[in-house]
Amino acid sequence: MVLSQENTSDINAKVNSMVEIIPAGNLLEPISESFFSFIKRSLFELSNLKFALTSFVVNNLRRRYRRSVLGFAWSLLNPLTTMIIMTTVFSIIFHNNPKEFGIYIFTGILPWTFMLDSITGGSLSLVDAEGFLKKVYIPKLFFPLVVVSTEAVNFVLSLSSLMILGLILGMPIGLSLLSLPFALAILYVFNFGAALFLAISTVYFRDLTHITRQLLQAVFYLVPICYPLNAVPPKFLVLFKINPFYYFINLFRIIIYQGQFPQPKDWLVPSVIAVLALILGFLLLKRTEKDIIFRL
């Protein structure tokens, strides 16, 4: 999310008009406040910002495609172009049917893009929001949430549009698609937890966002997106099993590509990873909440 100074005045006015004033007592964290009380307080503060959240997400989407001839179509063309290139190259390498392999890549590249954009964009969310944080009280977790919510909307719209392409390519349609919202919710929680943790960490170590981007580019090749998992030698499979991103990609792949309802273990592992990421994010926020504003 880019919060340019030229848009500060109009968006700041919206925040002031939408945010329900929080009593001053709520801004002071009690010394004996427990972790669960902190989460409860944070969620209560966020509930007062639900309209501001919608406004920020809409403004982010508008700014992203402002003055663009194709507009939102770019959110479809980017993954579509990537899918076509990967399908052409890797279907030849692995001797797979291009149509079937295109669906395979499609079900991996979209959730990966959602994770990549949420985490890398979220890592800069607090730094980019310095102007807002120093002018009006807004919960720190609001800005990572804006980034992840923006990418979630983009993901849903892209997924819906490219599902049509999947139907053309022969993608099976079944009741398993009813479980997609639950998979999206789990991935959303994970992205938010990771974005929150990295956003706070980047305030203290500005190079972290560049390191994160490079690491994710390397991790991309350890996720079976552009090649089938059975092409990996058995002795290297452990590298995939310890990769948390693999389980989220696998969840969407089971639902869309295989057309099946995931087994309980397929839900359990990514759910645990998502909850752990969220807990780590909140733990770091609780520890640094009062110090962040002085580090910006």
Protein backbone atom coordinates (compact mmCIF):
# COMPACT_ATOMS: atom_id res chain seq x y z
CA MET A 1 0.00 0.00 0.00
CA VAL A 2 1.36 3.36 -1.01
CA LEU A 3 0.19 6.28 1.09
CA SER A 4 1.42 9.26 -0.86
CA GLN A 5 1.55 12.67 0.76
CA GLU A 6 -0.60 14.15 -2.00
CA ASN A 7 -3.53 12.00 -0.89
CA THR A 8 -2.98 12.52 2.82
CA SER A 9 -5.41 15.39 3.25
CA ASP A 10 -8.47 13.82 1.62
CA ILE A 11 -8.00 10.34 3.11
CA ASN A 12 -7.15 11.81 6.50
CA ALA A 13 -10.43 13.71 6.38
CA LYS A 14 -12.25 10.45 5.72
CA VAL A 15 -10.50 8.78 8.63
CA ASN A 16 -11.47 11.61 10.97
CA SER A 17 -15.08 11.42 9.82
CA MET A 18 -15.34 7.65 9.95
CA VAL A 19 -13.36 6.79 13.05
CA GLU A 20 -15.47 6.74 16.16
CA ILE A 21 -13.47 8.59 18.79
CA ILE A 22 -11.90 6.14 21.19
CA PRO A 23 -11.83 7.22 24.83
CA ALA A 24 -8.42 8.32 25.97
CA GLY A 25 -8.38 5.60 28.58
CA ASN A 26 -8.39 2.98 25.85
CA LEU A 27 -5.18 4.39 24.41
CA LEU A 28 -3.27 3.56 27.53
CA GLU A 29 -2.32 -0.06 27.88
CA PRO A 30 -2.78 -1.22 31.46
CA ILE A 31 0.40 -2.62 32.96
CA SER A 32 -1.38 -5.85 33.89
CA GLU A 33 -3.12 -6.24 30.52
CA SER A 34 -3.04 -9.86 29.45
CA PHE A 35 -2.38 -11.02 25.91
CA PHE A 36 -6.02 -11.97 25.37
CA SER A 37 -7.18 -8.64 26.77
CA PHE A 38 -4.83 -6.91 24.36
CA ILE A 39 -6.31 -8.84 21.43
CA LYS A 40 -9.83 -8.01 22.61
CA ARG A 41 -8.96 -4.31 22.90
CA SER A 42 -7.30 -4.29 19.48
CA LEU A 43 -10.30 -5.93 17.82
CA PHE A 44 -12.63 -3.47 19.54
CA GLU A 45 -10.62 -0.55 18.18
CA LEU A 46 -10.69 -2.12 14.72
CA SER A 47 -14.46 -2.47 14.89
CA ASN A 48 -14.65 1.34 15.03
CA LEU A 49 -12.69 1.51 11.78
CA LYS A 50 -14.73 -0.82 9.59
CA PHE A 51 -15.95 1.99 7.34
CA ALA A 52 -12.48 3.53 7.13
CA LEU A 53 -11.12 0.10 6.18
CA THR A 54 -13.55 -0.13 3.27
CA SER A 55 -12.65 3.38 2.16
CA PHE A 56 -8.90 2.67 2.23
CA VAL A 57 -9.29 -0.58 0.28
CA VAL A 58 -11.41 1.10 -2.41
CA ASN A 59 -8.93 4.00 -2.67
CA ASN A 60 -6.00 1.58 -2.97
CA LEU A 61 -7.68 -0.29 -5.82
CA ARG A 62 -8.53 2.97 -7.58
CA ARG A 63 -4.98 4.31 -7.25
CA ARG A 64 -3.50 1.06 -8.47
CA TYR A 65 -5.20 1.33 -11.86
CA ARG A 66 -5.55 5.11 -12.10
CA ARG A 67 -4.85 6.46 -15.60
CA SER A 68 -4.39 2.93 -16.88
CA VAL A 69 -6.06 2.13 -20.19
CA LEU A 70 -6.86 -1.46 -19.23
CA GLY A 71 -7.52 -0.69 -15.56
CA PHE A 72 -8.49 -3.74 -13.51
CA ALA A 73 -7.81 -5.98 -16.49
CA TRP A 74 -4.12 -5.85 -15.50
CA SER A 75 -4.92 -7.87 -12.37
CA LEU A 76 -6.13 -10.59 -14.73
CA LEU A 77 -3.49 -10.20 -17.43
CA ASN A 78 -0.52 -10.48 -15.07
CA PRO A 79 -1.32 -13.95 -13.65
CA LEU A 80 -2.73 -15.02 -17.02
CA THR A 81 0.51 -14.13 -18.81
CA THR A 82 2.56 -15.88 -16.14
CA MET A 83 0.34 -18.95 -16.40
CA ILE A 84 0.64 -19.10 -20.20
CA ILE A 85 4.44 -18.79 -20.12
CA MET A 86 4.86 -21.38 -17.37
CA THR A 87 2.39 -23.75 -19.02
CA THR A 88 4.16 -23.52 -22.36
CA VAL A 89 7.63 -24.09 -20.91
CA PHE A 90 6.97 -26.65 -18.18
CA SER A 91 4.37 -28.71 -20.04
CA ILE A 92 7.10 -29.36 -22.63
CA ILE A 93 9.69 -30.16 -19.97
CA PHE A 94 7.44 -32.55 -18.04
CA HIS A 95 5.55 -33.83 -21.10
CA ASN A 96 2.16 -32.89 -19.69
CA ASN A 97 -1.07 -31.97 -21.41
CA PRO A 98 -0.96 -28.14 -21.75
CA LYS A 99 -4.66 -27.71 -20.86
CA GLU A 100 -4.47 -29.84 -17.74
CA PHE A 101 -1.12 -28.38 -16.71
CA GLY A 102 -2.48 -24.87 -17.28
CA ILE A 103 -5.17 -25.51 -14.66
CA TYR A 104 -2.52 -26.95 -12.32
CA ILE A 105 -0.40 -23.80 -12.57
CA PHE A 106 -3.46 -21.55 -12.36
CA THR A 107 -4.48 -23.08 -9.00
CA GLY A 108 -1.01 -22.38 -7.62
CA ILE A 109 -0.04 -19.03 -9.07
CA LEU A 110 -3.09 -17.11 -7.80
CA PRO A 111 -2.81 -17.99 -4.08
CA TRP A 112 0.96 -17.52 -4.32
CA THR A 113 0.49 -14.04 -5.77
CA PHE A 114 -1.97 -13.26 -2.98
CA MET A 115 0.59 -14.29 -0.37
CA LEU A 116 3.50 -12.54 -2.08
CA ASP A 117 1.72 -9.20 -2.55
CA SER A 118 0.20 -9.25 0.94
CA ILE A 119 3.46 -10.00 2.72
CA THR A 120 5.75 -7.71 0.72
CA GLY A 121 3.22 -4.87 0.62
CA GLY A 122 2.27 -5.37 4.25
CA SER A 123 5.88 -5.18 5.39
CA LEU A 124 5.97 -1.51 4.33
CA SER A 125 2.49 -0.61 5.54
CA LEU A 126 3.51 1.05 8.83
CA VAL A 127 6.47 2.87 7.30
CA ASP A 128 4.27 4.21 4.50
CA ALA A 129 1.60 5.24 7.03
CA GLU A 130 3.98 7.39 9.08
CA GLY A 131 2.10 10.56 8.17
CA PHE A 132 -1.19 9.16 9.45
CA LEU A 133 0.20 7.58 12.60
CA LYS A 134 1.80 10.85 13.70
CA LYS A 135 -1.34 12.92 13.16
CA VAL A 136 -4.22 10.84 14.49
CA TYR A 137 -4.54 7.77 16.67
CA ILE A 138 -5.14 4.69 14.52
CA PRO A 139 -4.45 1.14 15.73
CA LYS A 140 -1.14 -0.03 14.26
CA LEU A 141 -2.61 -3.26 12.93
CA PHE A 142 -5.07 -1.28 10.78
CA PHE A 143 -2.57 -0.58 8.00
CA PRO A 144 -1.34 -4.17 7.47
CA LEU A 145 -5.01 -5.15 7.47
CA VAL A 146 -5.71 -2.63 4.70
CA VAL A 147 -2.97 -4.12 2.52
CA VAL A 148 -4.11 -7.72 3.03
CA SER A 149 -7.77 -6.78 2.50
CA THR A 150 -6.89 -4.97 -0.72
CA GLU A 151 -5.02 -8.00 -2.02
CA ALA A 152 -7.85 -10.28 -0.89
CA VAL A 153 -10.36 -8.34 -2.99
CA ASN A 154 -7.96 -8.45 -5.92
CA PHE A 155 -7.49 -12.19 -5.41
CA VAL A 156 -11.22 -12.93 -5.31
CA LEU A 157 -11.91 -10.90 -8.44
CA SER A 158 -9.00 -12.49 -10.28
CA LEU A 159 -10.01 -15.96 -9.15
CA SER A 160 -13.60 -15.44 -10.25
CA SER A 161 -12.54 -14.18 -13.66
CA LEU A 162 -9.93 -16.83 -14.31
CA MET A 163 -12.34 -19.57 -13.22
CA ILE A 164 -14.04 -18.93 -16.54
CA LEU A 165 -10.76 -19.73 -18.27
CA GLY A 166 -10.52 -22.87 -16.18
CA LEU A 167 -13.94 -23.98 -17.38
CA ILE A 168 -12.83 -23.47 -20.98
CA LEU A 169 -9.75 -25.60 -20.30
CA GLY A 170 -11.90 -28.35 -18.82
CA MET A 171 -11.55 -27.72 -15.11
CA PRO A 172 -13.93 -29.97 -13.14
CA ILE A 173 -16.76 -28.17 -11.36
CA GLY A 174 -18.05 -29.77 -8.21
CA LEU A 175 -19.34 -29.16 -4.73
CA SER A 176 -15.76 -28.89 -3.50
CA LEU A 177 -15.76 -25.25 -4.64
CA LEU A 178 -18.12 -24.52 -1.74
CA SER A 179 -15.13 -24.89 0.57
CA LEU A 180 -13.18 -22.12 -1.21
CA PRO A 181 -14.34 -19.36 1.19
CA PHE A 182 -12.94 -21.33 4.14
CA ALA A 183 -9.60 -21.79 2.36
CA LEU A 184 -9.55 -18.08 1.59
CA ALA A 185 -10.28 -17.23 5.23
CA ILE A 186 -7.36 -19.36 6.44
CA LEU A 187 -4.99 -17.82 3.91
CA TYR A 188 -6.25 -14.33 4.82
CA VAL A 189 -5.44 -14.92 8.50
CA PHE A 190 -1.96 -16.18 7.63
CA ASN A 191 -1.24 -13.23 5.35
CA PHE A 192 -2.43 -10.76 7.96
CA GLY A 193 -0.34 -12.35 10.71
CA ALA A 194 2.78 -12.41 8.51
CA ALA A 195 2.19 -8.86 7.23
CA LEU A 196 1.66 -7.53 10.78
CA PHE A 197 4.82 -9.18 12.07
CA LEU A 198 6.94 -7.94 9.16
CA ALA A 199 5.40 -4.45 9.22
CA ILE A 200 6.47 -3.96 12.83
CA SER A 201 9.89 -5.54 12.25
CA THR A 202 10.52 -3.30 9.22
CA VAL A 203 10.01 -0.20 11.40
CA TYR A 204 13.11 -1.28 13.34
CA PHE A 205 15.06 -2.77 10.43
CA ARG A 206 14.25 -1.07 7.13
CA ASP A 207 16.24 -3.52 5.00
CA LEU A 208 13.92 -6.33 6.04
CA THR A 209 11.42 -5.65 3.28
CA HIS A 210 14.14 -6.12 0.62
CA ILE A 211 15.39 -9.27 2.33
CA THR A 212 11.84 -10.62 2.50
CA ARG A 213 11.27 -10.04 -1.20
CA GLN A 214 14.48 -11.87 -2.10
CA LEU A 215 13.68 -14.77 0.22
CA LEU A 216 10.20 -15.15 -1.22
CA GLN A 217 11.63 -15.25 -4.73
CA ALA A 218 13.86 -18.12 -3.61
CA VAL A 219 11.04 -19.88 -1.76
CA PHE A 220 8.92 -19.76 -4.93
CA TYR A 221 11.02 -22.57 -6.38
CA LEU A 222 10.41 -24.69 -3.28
CA VAL A 223 6.66 -24.59 -3.86
CA PRO A 224 5.26 -26.96 -6.52
CA ILE A 225 3.59 -24.26 -8.60
CA CYS A 226 5.27 -24.66 -11.97
CA TYR A 227 6.07 -28.36 -11.65
CA PRO A 228 4.31 -31.42 -10.16
CA LEU A 229 5.37 -32.64 -6.75
CA ASN A 230 5.95 -36.16 -8.07
CA ALA A 231 8.80 -34.74 -10.18
CA VAL A 232 10.77 -34.02 -6.98
CA PRO A 233 13.22 -36.74 -5.88
CA PRO A 234 12.02 -38.38 -2.63
CA LYS A 235 15.14 -37.30 -0.71
CA PHE A 236 14.23 -33.64 -1.29
CA LEU A 237 10.56 -33.87 -0.33
CA VAL A 238 11.36 -32.79 3.22
CA LEU A 239 12.19 -29.32 1.86
CA PHE A 240 8.57 -29.02 0.75
CA LYS A 241 7.07 -30.45 3.92
CA ILE A 242 8.77 -27.79 6.07
CA ASN A 243 7.72 -25.01 3.71
CA PRO A 244 4.55 -23.38 5.15
CA PHE A 245 3.54 -21.91 1.78
CA TYR A 246 3.22 -25.38 0.31
CA TYR A 247 0.25 -26.26 2.53
CA PHE A 248 -1.79 -23.24 1.44
CA ILE A 249 -1.10 -23.89 -2.24
CA ASN A 250 -1.98 -27.54 -1.73
CA LEU A 251 -5.27 -26.63 -0.07
CA PHE A 252 -6.45 -24.58 -3.05
CA ARG A 253 -5.13 -27.18 -5.47
CA ILE A 254 -7.15 -29.96 -3.85
CA ILE A 255 -10.32 -27.88 -4.01
CA ILE A 256 -9.97 -26.47 -7.54
CA TYR A 257 -7.62 -28.75 -9.49
CA GLN A 258 -8.55 -32.10 -7.98
CA GLY A 259 -12.18 -31.13 -7.38
CA GLN A 260 -12.23 -32.79 -3.96
CA PHE A 261 -13.03 -31.78 -0.41
CA PRO A 262 -9.78 -31.52 1.58
CA GLN A 263 -9.19 -34.09 4.29
CA PRO A 264 -9.07 -32.93 7.94
CA LYS A 265 -5.25 -32.93 7.92
CA ASP A 266 -5.28 -30.73 4.81
CA TRP A 267 -7.27 -28.15 6.79
CA LEU A 268 -5.45 -28.62 10.08
CA VAL A 269 -1.88 -27.88 9.02
CA PRO A 270 -2.51 -24.54 7.22
CA SER A 271 -4.96 -23.53 9.98
CA VAL A 272 -2.32 -24.08 12.67
CA ILE A 273 0.28 -22.18 10.62
CA ALA A 274 -2.16 -19.29 10.11
CA VAL A 275 -3.04 -19.06 13.80
CA LEU A 276 0.63 -19.20 14.81
CA ALA A 277 1.45 -16.39 12.36
CA LEU A 278 -1.38 -14.29 13.79
CA ILE A 279 -0.29 -14.93 17.38
CA LEU A 280 3.31 -13.97 16.57
CA GLY A 281 2.08 -10.78 14.95
CA PHE A 282 -0.03 -9.81 17.96
CA LEU A 283 2.74 -10.73 20.42
CA LEU A 284 5.18 -8.45 18.64
CA LEU A 285 2.58 -5.68 18.42
CA LYS A 286 1.83 -5.90 22.14
CA ARG A 287 5.53 -5.65 22.92
CA THR A 288 6.23 -2.68 20.64
CA GLU A 289 2.89 -0.84 20.44
CA LYS A 290 4.00 2.23 22.41
CA ASP A 291 7.45 2.38 20.85
CA ILE A 292 6.61 2.14 17.15
CA ILE A 293 5.57 5.78 16.78
CA PHE A 294 9.00 6.93 18.06
CA ARG A 295 10.84 4.64 15.62
CA LEU A 296 9.10 5.88 12.49
